[in-house]
Protein backbone atom coordinates (compact mmCIF):
# COMPACT_ATOMS: atom_id res chain seq x y z
CA MET A 1 0.09 -0.28 0.15
CA ARG A 2 1.13 3.90 -1.11
CA MET A 3 -0.18 6.63 1.08
CA ALA A 4 0.30 10.14 0.41
CA ASN A 5 -0.54 13.52 1.28
CA LEU A 6 -1.93 15.21 -2.14
CA SER A 7 -2.36 18.98 -1.38
CA GLY A 8 -2.66 18.31 1.95
CA ARG A 9 -5.45 15.73 1.60
CA LEU A 10 -5.04 11.79 2.84
CA ALA A 11 -4.70 9.61 -0.50
CA LEU A 12 -4.36 6.24 -1.92
CA ILE A 13 -1.88 5.76 -4.52
CA VAL A 14 -2.87 3.22 -7.11
CA ASP A 15 -1.50 1.79 -10.27
CA GLY A 16 0.22 5.91 -10.28
CA ARG A 17 -3.06 7.58 -9.47
CA ALA A 18 -4.30 9.31 -6.71
CA VAL A 19 -7.71 8.37 -4.55
CA ASP A 20 -8.70 10.60 -2.22
CA VAL A 21 -9.64 8.32 0.85
CA GLU A 22 -12.31 10.93 2.83
CA GLU A 23 -14.38 10.99 -0.82
CA ALA A 24 -13.55 6.76 -1.00
CA SER A 25 -14.55 5.98 2.80
CA ASP A 26 -17.70 8.10 2.91
CA GLY A 27 -15.94 10.58 5.43
CA ALA A 28 -15.20 7.08 7.34
CA PHE A 29 -11.26 8.54 7.80
CA ALA A 30 -10.65 12.13 7.88
CA PRO A 31 -8.54 14.13 5.09
CA ASP A 32 -5.34 14.89 7.06
CA PRO A 33 -2.50 12.68 6.12
CA GLN A 34 -1.49 13.15 9.98
CA VAL A 35 -4.57 11.94 11.84
CA VAL A 36 -4.48 8.73 10.17
CA TYR A 37 -1.53 7.13 12.01
CA ASP A 38 -3.90 6.89 15.49
CA ARG A 39 -6.39 4.51 13.14
CA TRP A 40 -3.47 3.06 10.89
CA GLU A 41 -4.62 -0.70 11.60
CA GLU A 42 -8.41 0.16 10.56
CA PHE A 43 -7.30 2.85 7.85
CA ARG A 44 -4.87 -0.23 6.63
CA THR A 45 -7.58 -2.75 6.47
CA TRP A 46 -10.02 -0.73 4.91
CA ALA A 47 -7.45 0.57 2.02
CA THR A 48 -6.51 -3.07 1.25
CA THR A 49 -10.16 -4.55 1.27
CA ALA A 50 -12.01 -1.01 -0.26
CA ASP A 51 -13.82 -1.02 -3.32
CA LEU A 52 -12.08 1.71 -4.70
CA PRO A 53 -12.58 4.19 -7.78
CA ALA A 54 -10.51 4.91 -10.34
CA GLY A 55 -7.75 7.25 -9.36
CA THR A 56 -7.09 10.74 -10.55
CA PRO A 57 -3.60 11.95 -12.64
CA PHE A 58 -1.35 14.29 -10.31
CA GLU A 59 1.65 16.45 -10.10
CA ALA A 60 4.74 15.23 -8.07
CA ARG A 61 4.94 18.58 -6.79
CA ASP A 62 1.32 18.78 -5.17
CA LEU A 63 2.84 16.04 -3.01
CA GLY A 64 3.55 16.78 0.79
CA SER A 65 4.92 14.59 3.19
CA PRO A 66 3.27 11.75 4.14
CA ALA A 67 3.49 12.95 8.01
CA PRO A 68 3.71 16.54 7.69
CA ALA A 69 3.32 17.40 11.37
CA PRO A 70 4.99 14.21 13.55
CA ARG A 71 4.73 14.88 17.19
CA GLN A 72 8.20 13.55 17.71
CA THR A 73 11.08 13.32 14.64
CA LEU A 74 14.26 11.58 15.80
CA ALA A 75 17.08 11.46 13.78
CA ILE A 76 20.55 9.16 14.05
CA GLY A 77 23.70 10.34 13.46
CA LEU A 78 26.66 8.10 12.31
CA ASN A 79 24.56 4.66 11.62
CA TYR A 80 26.60 3.61 8.89
CA GLY A 81 30.18 2.55 9.37
CA ASP A 82 31.73 4.63 6.36
CA HIS A 83 29.88 7.88 7.07
CA ALA A 84 31.09 7.41 10.38
CA ALA A 85 34.88 7.25 9.49
CA GLU A 86 34.33 10.13 6.70
CA SER A 87 33.04 11.96 9.89
CA GLY A 88 35.85 10.92 11.96
CA PHE A 89 34.32 9.04 14.34
CA ALA A 90 34.09 5.09 15.38
CA ALA A 91 31.05 3.18 14.52
CA PRO A 92 28.73 3.74 17.83
CA GLU A 93 28.18 0.41 19.60
CA GLY A 94 25.79 1.52 22.24
CA LEU A 95 22.78 3.55 20.80
CA PRO A 96 23.97 6.17 18.23
CA PRO A 97 23.61 9.94 18.67
CA VAL A 98 20.02 10.85 18.32
CA PHE A 99 18.92 14.63 17.38
CA THR A 100 15.54 16.24 16.50
CA LYS A 101 14.61 17.90 13.11
CA PHE A 102 12.07 20.32 14.24
CA VAL A 103 8.61 20.16 12.56
CA THR A 104 8.71 23.77 10.39
CA SER A 105 11.53 21.82 8.48
CA ILE A 106 9.16 19.24 6.88
CA SER A 107 8.49 19.78 3.35
CA GLY A 108 7.27 17.53 0.72
CA PRO A 109 9.19 15.52 -1.82
CA VAL A 110 9.30 18.03 -4.61
CA THR A 111 10.74 21.70 -3.12
CA GLU A 112 12.68 24.81 -3.41
CA VAL A 113 14.89 25.25 -0.75
CA LYS A 114 16.28 28.69 0.37
CA LEU A 115 19.99 28.34 1.05
CA PRO A 116 20.98 30.11 4.50
CA ALA A 117 23.62 33.48 4.41
CA ASN A 118 27.34 32.35 5.06
CA GLY A 119 26.91 28.74 5.26
CA HIS A 120 27.80 25.33 4.32
CA THR A 121 24.82 23.37 3.61
CA ASP A 122 25.20 19.98 3.20
CA TRP A 123 23.21 16.42 2.18
CA GLU A 124 22.32 13.46 3.74
CA VAL A 125 20.13 10.66 1.79
CA GLU A 126 17.99 8.48 4.60
CA LEU A 127 15.49 6.00 4.55
CA VAL A 128 12.43 7.11 6.95
CA ALA A 129 10.59 5.17 9.16
CA VAL A 130 7.01 6.20 10.44
CA ILE A 131 5.62 4.50 13.54
CA GLY A 132 2.05 3.14 13.41
CA ARG A 133 1.12 1.74 16.69
CA ARG A 134 2.38 3.48 19.72
CA ALA A 135 6.05 1.76 20.69
CA GLU A 136 7.31 1.47 23.98
CA GLY A 137 9.76 -1.17 25.39
CA VAL A 138 9.21 -2.45 22.69
CA SER A 139 11.36 -6.22 21.29
CA GLU A 140 13.72 -5.94 18.19
CA ALA A 141 11.85 -8.85 17.11
CA ASP A 142 8.71 -7.11 17.19
CA SER A 143 9.62 -3.66 15.94
CA TRP A 144 8.63 -4.70 12.58
CA GLY A 145 5.02 -4.36 13.31
CA HIS A 146 4.79 -0.97 14.63
CA VAL A 147 6.10 0.85 11.69
CA ALA A 148 3.19 1.75 9.47
CA GLY A 149 5.96 2.28 6.16
CA LEU A 150 8.92 3.90 4.86
CA THR A 151 10.05 6.97 2.53
CA VAL A 152 12.47 8.21 1.48
CA GLY A 153 14.05 11.88 3.54
CA GLN A 154 16.63 13.88 3.34
CA ASP A 155 18.45 15.52 6.32
CA ILE A 156 19.52 18.49 4.91
CA SER A 157 22.73 20.24 7.20
CA GLU A 158 23.71 23.53 7.56
CA ARG A 159 27.13 22.38 8.66
CA VAL A 160 28.55 26.16 10.58
CA GLN A 161 25.12 26.88 12.40
CA GLN A 162 25.60 22.88 13.17
CA LEU A 163 29.07 23.07 14.62
CA ALA A 164 29.04 26.59 16.07
CA GLY A 165 29.47 27.17 19.73
CA PRO A 166 30.86 25.84 22.92
CA ALA A 167 28.72 22.79 22.17
CA PRO A 168 27.19 21.00 18.39
CA GLN A 169 23.64 22.36 17.43
CA PHE A 170 22.69 19.50 15.98
CA SER A 171 18.74 20.10 15.56
CA LEU A 172 18.96 24.04 14.97
CA GLY A 173 21.25 23.44 12.30
CA LYS A 174 19.11 20.88 10.53
CA SER A 175 15.93 22.73 10.51
CA PHE A 176 15.87 25.23 8.65
CA PRO A 177 12.48 25.96 6.53
CA GLY A 178 12.55 23.09 4.00
CA PHE A 179 15.59 20.87 5.44
CA ALA A 180 13.32 17.77 6.10
CA PRO A 181 12.06 16.82 2.75
CA ILE A 182 10.18 13.71 3.15
CA GLY A 183 8.32 11.68 0.80
CA PRO A 184 7.19 11.16 -2.38
CA TRP A 185 4.77 8.82 -0.32
CA LEU A 186 4.59 6.12 2.43
CA VAL A 187 5.29 2.19 1.35
CA THR A 188 3.75 -0.47 3.74
CA PRO A 189 6.44 -2.71 5.06
CA ASP A 190 4.72 -6.09 3.38
CA GLU A 191 5.66 -4.24 -0.56
CA PHE A 192 9.37 -4.70 -0.15
CA ASP A 193 10.89 -8.11 -0.55
CA ASP A 194 13.66 -7.26 2.22
CA PRO A 195 12.63 -4.42 4.24
CA ASP A 196 16.40 -4.07 5.93
CA ASP A 197 17.72 -4.00 2.43
CA LEU A 198 17.09 -1.20 0.32
CA GLU A 199 19.57 0.43 -1.56
CA LEU A 200 19.78 4.62 -1.31
CA ARG A 201 21.19 7.05 -3.80
CA CYS A 202 21.52 10.54 -4.00
CA ALA A 203 22.65 12.99 -7.00
CA ILE A 204 23.55 16.28 -7.52
CA ASN A 205 22.95 18.04 -11.02
CA GLY A 206 23.18 14.36 -12.11
CA GLU A 207 25.92 13.45 -10.48
CA GLU A 208 26.21 10.45 -7.74
CA VAL A 209 27.41 11.77 -4.61
CA GLN A 210 25.47 9.05 -2.58
CA LYS A 211 25.25 5.48 -3.00
CA GLY A 212 24.36 2.73 -0.31
CA ARG A 213 22.20 -0.35 1.27
CA THR A 214 20.16 -0.32 4.44
CA ARG A 215 21.70 -3.69 5.36
CA ASP A 216 24.49 -1.78 6.05
CA LEU A 217 22.86 0.26 9.13
CA ILE A 218 24.82 -0.19 12.19
CA HIS A 219 21.47 -0.12 13.87
CA SER A 220 18.57 -1.71 11.48
CA VAL A 221 15.12 -0.11 11.80
CA PRO A 222 13.81 -2.74 14.43
CA ALA A 223 17.00 -2.19 16.74
CA LEU A 224 16.70 1.55 16.15
CA ILE A 225 12.88 1.02 17.52
CA ALA A 226 14.01 -1.18 20.34
CA ARG A 227 16.55 1.19 21.54
CA LEU A 228 14.33 4.31 21.07
CA SER A 229 11.20 2.95 22.57
CA ALA A 230 13.24 1.45 25.72
CA VAL A 231 13.84 5.25 26.93
CA LEU A 232 10.26 7.07 25.19
CA PRO A 233 7.20 5.75 23.74
CA LEU A 234 7.32 6.06 20.12
CA LEU A 235 3.70 7.19 18.85
CA PRO A 236 1.75 7.06 16.04
CA GLY A 237 2.91 9.26 13.30
CA ASP A 238 6.68 9.82 14.46
CA VAL A 239 9.43 9.78 12.13
CA ILE A 240 12.63 8.07 12.15
CA PHE A 241 15.34 9.56 10.14
CA THR A 242 17.59 6.49 10.20
CA GLY A 243 21.15 7.41 9.07
CA THR A 244 22.99 8.45 5.85
CA PRO A 245 25.87 6.33 4.52
CA ALA A 246 29.39 7.78 3.08
CA GLY A 247 29.44 10.91 0.44
CA VAL A 248 28.36 13.71 1.92
CA GLY A 249 30.04 17.36 1.58
CA LEU A 250 31.49 17.79 4.90
CA GLY A 251 33.72 14.59 4.89
CA ARG A 252 35.12 15.38 1.33
CA ASP A 253 38.55 16.48 0.11
CA PRO A 254 38.08 19.17 -0.80
CA GLN A 255 34.55 19.89 0.94
CA ARG A 256 31.81 20.59 -1.11
CA PHE A 257 28.75 22.27 -0.53
CA LEU A 258 25.14 22.84 -2.10
CA ALA A 259 25.09 26.12 -4.27
CA PRO A 260 22.28 28.13 -5.72
CA GLY A 261 20.76 26.45 -8.66
CA ASP A 262 22.05 22.85 -7.65
CA GLU A 263 19.59 19.83 -7.90
CA LEU A 264 19.48 17.41 -5.24
CA VAL A 265 18.02 14.01 -6.15
CA SER A 266 17.57 11.16 -3.66
CA ALA A 267 16.11 7.94 -4.00
CA VAL A 268 15.67 4.79 -2.12
CA GLN A 269 14.74 1.16 -3.90
CA GLY A 270 10.76 0.82 -4.03
CA ILE A 271 9.93 3.82 -2.73
CA GLY A 272 10.91 6.70 -5.36
CA GLU A 273 12.81 10.11 -4.94
CA LEU A 274 12.68 13.65 -3.67
CA ARG A 275 13.74 16.37 -5.67
CA GLN A 276 15.22 19.59 -4.27
CA THR A 277 16.54 22.80 -5.86
CA PHE A 278 18.54 25.26 -4.54
CA VAL A 279 18.03 29.03 -4.29
CA ALA A 280 20.12 32.02 -2.91
């Protein structure tokens, strides 16, 4: 199943066309894409058994984040060994670094992003997991049962702000407007042959800068849910950015950062792609 946010309304994507959920369910489900996670199991049962009408064509630019207003966004650092190495750190053995991306940074899959003045703006393609059932003290073996689905995320990062001050400002440096594009839609785990082994890739102006596989995550999606839910409850609709593989601008020699006019394309196998254009 593929669930989307089309112009702020909850939709299902069927054969490349959009079905409006409120209309198709005769009002049984509200049009707000975020609130559906509180009824996720009921919604999924309806969506997979209902006699859905023919969908309508849509433009990718009209899609928003499939989780536009999560109560909690948890982002994971140093979760691929090659990225930890390029960042000058050892791979974390216990819980990896955790920060947030504030909700006003969240956007849809096709956007124009304003570059902060006097900054060094970097890219980090990531697999994003969205919680569909409250997870508190969940075992790793049971964790997939708490996942609504997977989507693509970009942890865009302004490195000057991130690393400024007596202590790093990870959350602020990663939360400028538009710095958390998510999409193009949410794909349920059953749609994948192996949801623990998906290819990620990222390109700038057609030049590939990142390529990896989620099987190389130090802490897999189930492991992250188990470790995080041991500390705090994960709520329906919460978002987890799971980490990025090597190839970011900060880790290059010489370092490289995004410039006005650059187009950043980020993709995850079996889901789709994000497309960001940067302006001064």
